[in-house]
């Protein structure tokens, strides 16, 4: 019996074609500061969002995005601009 691949292994099989311009943006960075628990950081399976405590800001690594949209659903301030990458860029799922 073979072992099932881990989530990390399955994500590695996908292909990403990142755009040069981010398809993710924070509308008002000041609203992220007092945000309780940073749900966008916790919910993202690809670690697209990173909270820089030293700088007090949210860093977006849009190249990692799996385009699941979970971040915009859990943001309590509706503070994320999320759109699909342009021109066939972004994630290309190998196994649907």
C-alpha atoms as a PDB file:
ATOM      1  CA  UNK A   1       0.000   0.000   0.000  1.00  0.00           C
ATOM      2  CA  UNK A   2       1.439   3.365  -0.986  1.00  0.00           C
ATOM      3  CA  UNK A   3       1.483   6.421   1.219  1.00  0.00           C
ATOM      4  CA  UNK A   4      -0.835   9.307   0.355  1.00  0.00           C
ATOM      5  CA  UNK A   5       0.990  12.521  -0.543  1.00  0.00           C
ATOM      6  CA  UNK A   6       0.897  15.345   1.966  1.00  0.00           C
ATOM      7  CA  UNK A   7      -0.819  18.662   1.269  1.00  0.00           C
ATOM      8  CA  UNK A   8       2.597  20.273   0.824  1.00  0.00           C
ATOM      9  CA  UNK A   9       3.578  17.653  -1.769  1.00  0.00           C
ATOM     10  CA  UNK A  10       0.338  18.144  -3.678  1.00  0.00           C
ATOM     11  CA  UNK A  11       0.780  21.916  -3.689  1.00  0.00           C
ATOM     12  CA  UNK A  12       4.300  21.465  -5.042  1.00  0.00           C
ATOM     13  CA  UNK A  13       2.895  19.678  -8.116  1.00  0.00           C
ATOM     14  CA  UNK A  14       0.938  22.761  -9.166  1.00  0.00           C
ATOM     15  CA  UNK A  15       2.445  25.255 -11.558  1.00  0.00           C
ATOM     16  CA  UNK A  16       2.425  28.970 -10.899  1.00  0.00           C
ATOM     17  CA  UNK A  17       2.807  31.650 -13.514  1.00  0.00           C
ATOM     18  CA  UNK A  18       3.063  34.803 -11.431  1.00  0.00           C
ATOM     19  CA  UNK A  19       2.220  38.130 -12.980  1.00  0.00           C
ATOM     20  CA  UNK A  20       4.551  41.097 -12.560  1.00  0.00           C
ATOM     21  CA  UNK A  21       1.816  43.031 -10.785  1.00  0.00           C
ATOM     22  CA  UNK A  22       0.063  41.803  -7.670  1.00  0.00           C
ATOM     23  CA  UNK A  23      -3.578  40.799  -7.963  1.00  0.00           C
ATOM     24  CA  UNK A  24      -3.884  41.227  -4.184  1.00  0.00           C
ATOM     25  CA  UNK A  25      -3.828  44.482  -2.291  1.00  0.00           C
ATOM     26  CA  UNK A  26      -4.681  45.922   1.114  1.00  0.00           C
ATOM     27  CA  UNK A  27      -7.158  48.789   0.856  1.00  0.00           C
ATOM     28  CA  UNK A  28      -6.169  50.517   4.098  1.00  0.00           C
ATOM     29  CA  UNK A  29      -2.972  49.209   5.751  1.00  0.00           C
ATOM     30  CA  UNK A  30      -3.843  51.023   9.004  1.00  0.00           C
ATOM     31  CA  UNK A  31      -6.844  48.720   9.474  1.00  0.00           C
ATOM     32  CA  UNK A  32      -4.594  45.650   9.565  1.00  0.00           C
ATOM     33  CA  UNK A  33      -2.731  46.899  12.649  1.00  0.00           C
ATOM     34  CA  UNK A  34      -5.510  46.437  15.211  1.00  0.00           C
ATOM     35  CA  UNK A  35      -6.903  43.334  13.469  1.00  0.00           C
ATOM     36  CA  UNK A  36      -7.499  40.584  16.014  1.00  0.00           C
ATOM     37  CA  UNK A  37      -5.580  37.404  15.195  1.00  0.00           C
ATOM     38  CA  UNK A  38      -4.790  38.238  11.548  1.00  0.00           C
ATOM     39  CA  UNK A  39      -7.217  35.711  10.033  1.00  0.00           C
ATOM     40  CA  UNK A  40      -5.832  36.185   6.505  1.00  0.00           C
ATOM     41  CA  UNK A  41      -2.431  34.977   7.739  1.00  0.00           C
ATOM     42  CA  UNK A  42      -3.937  31.977   9.537  1.00  0.00           C
ATOM     43  CA  UNK A  43      -6.328  30.836   6.803  1.00  0.00           C
ATOM     44  CA  UNK A  44      -4.044  31.006   3.756  1.00  0.00           C
ATOM     45  CA  UNK A  45      -2.776  27.507   2.847  1.00  0.00           C
ATOM     46  CA  UNK A  46       0.068  28.944   0.738  1.00  0.00           C
ATOM     47  CA  UNK A  47       1.436  31.440   3.272  1.00  0.00           C
ATOM     48  CA  UNK A  48       0.688  34.334   0.931  1.00  0.00           C
ATOM     49  CA  UNK A  49       0.254  36.732   3.853  1.00  0.00           C
ATOM     50  CA  UNK A  50       2.907  37.434   6.457  1.00  0.00           C
ATOM     51  CA  UNK A  51       2.593  39.790   9.401  1.00  0.00           C
ATOM     52  CA  UNK A  52       5.800  41.766   9.959  1.00  0.00           C
ATOM     53  CA  UNK A  53       5.528  42.566  13.657  1.00  0.00           C
ATOM     54  CA  UNK A  54       8.679  44.693  13.650  1.00  0.00           C
ATOM     55  CA  UNK A  55       7.247  46.957  10.933  1.00  0.00           C
ATOM     56  CA  UNK A  56       3.618  46.560  12.000  1.00  0.00           C
ATOM     57  CA  UNK A  57       2.472  45.750   8.465  1.00  0.00           C
ATOM     58  CA  UNK A  58       1.025  42.988   6.359  1.00  0.00           C
ATOM     59  CA  UNK A  59       3.293  41.664   3.611  1.00  0.00           C
ATOM     60  CA  UNK A  60       1.651  40.034   0.587  1.00  0.00           C
ATOM     61  CA  UNK A  61       3.607  37.449  -1.391  1.00  0.00           C
ATOM     62  CA  UNK A  62       1.170  37.246  -4.295  1.00  0.00           C
ATOM     63  CA  UNK A  63       3.326  34.728  -6.170  1.00  0.00           C
ATOM     64  CA  UNK A  64       2.245  32.086  -3.627  1.00  0.00           C
ATOM     65  CA  UNK A  65      -1.493  32.678  -4.052  1.00  0.00           C
ATOM     66  CA  UNK A  66      -3.656  29.633  -4.821  1.00  0.00           C
ATOM     67  CA  UNK A  67      -6.607  31.861  -5.735  1.00  0.00           C
ATOM     68  CA  UNK A  68      -8.916  30.133  -3.263  1.00  0.00           C
ATOM     69  CA  UNK A  69     -10.360  33.436  -1.997  1.00  0.00           C
ATOM     70  CA  UNK A  70     -10.374  32.385   1.649  1.00  0.00           C
ATOM     71  CA  UNK A  71      -8.522  35.544   2.688  1.00  0.00           C
ATOM     72  CA  UNK A  72     -11.245  37.877   1.482  1.00  0.00           C
ATOM     73  CA  UNK A  73     -13.920  35.806   3.188  1.00  0.00           C
ATOM     74  CA  UNK A  74     -12.270  35.844   6.625  1.00  0.00           C
ATOM     75  CA  UNK A  75     -11.084  39.469   6.643  1.00  0.00           C
ATOM     76  CA  UNK A  76     -13.293  41.102   9.297  1.00  0.00           C
ATOM     77  CA  UNK A  77     -12.746  44.581   7.805  1.00  0.00           C
ATOM     78  CA  UNK A  78     -13.344  43.689   4.128  1.00  0.00           C
ATOM     79  CA  UNK A  79      -9.925  45.233   3.619  1.00  0.00           C
ATOM     80  CA  UNK A  80      -8.489  43.058   0.841  1.00  0.00           C
ATOM     81  CA  UNK A  81      -8.746  43.730  -2.873  1.00  0.00           C
ATOM     82  CA  UNK A  82      -8.662  40.367  -4.582  1.00  0.00           C
ATOM     83  CA  UNK A  83      -8.992  39.752  -8.295  1.00  0.00           C
ATOM     84  CA  UNK A  84      -7.884  37.066 -10.695  1.00  0.00           C
ATOM     85  CA  UNK A  85      -4.441  37.482 -12.236  1.00  0.00           C
ATOM     86  CA  UNK A  86      -4.455  38.810 -15.785  1.00  0.00           C
ATOM     87  CA  UNK A  87      -3.714  36.959 -18.996  1.00  0.00           C
ATOM     88  CA  UNK A  88      -3.660  33.345 -17.845  1.00  0.00           C
ATOM     89  CA  UNK A  89      -1.243  34.078 -15.028  1.00  0.00           C
ATOM     90  CA  UNK A  90      -1.497  32.662 -11.542  1.00  0.00           C
ATOM     91  CA  UNK A  91      -2.004  29.091 -10.393  1.00  0.00           C
ATOM     92  CA  UNK A  92      -2.365  26.182 -12.806  1.00  0.00           C
ATOM     93  CA  UNK A  93      -3.645  23.146 -10.922  1.00  0.00           C
ATOM     94  CA  UNK A  94      -2.126  19.924 -12.115  1.00  0.00           C
ATOM     95  CA  UNK A  95      -4.782  17.697 -10.591  1.00  0.00           C
ATOM     96  CA  UNK A  96      -7.805  19.996 -10.673  1.00  0.00           C
END
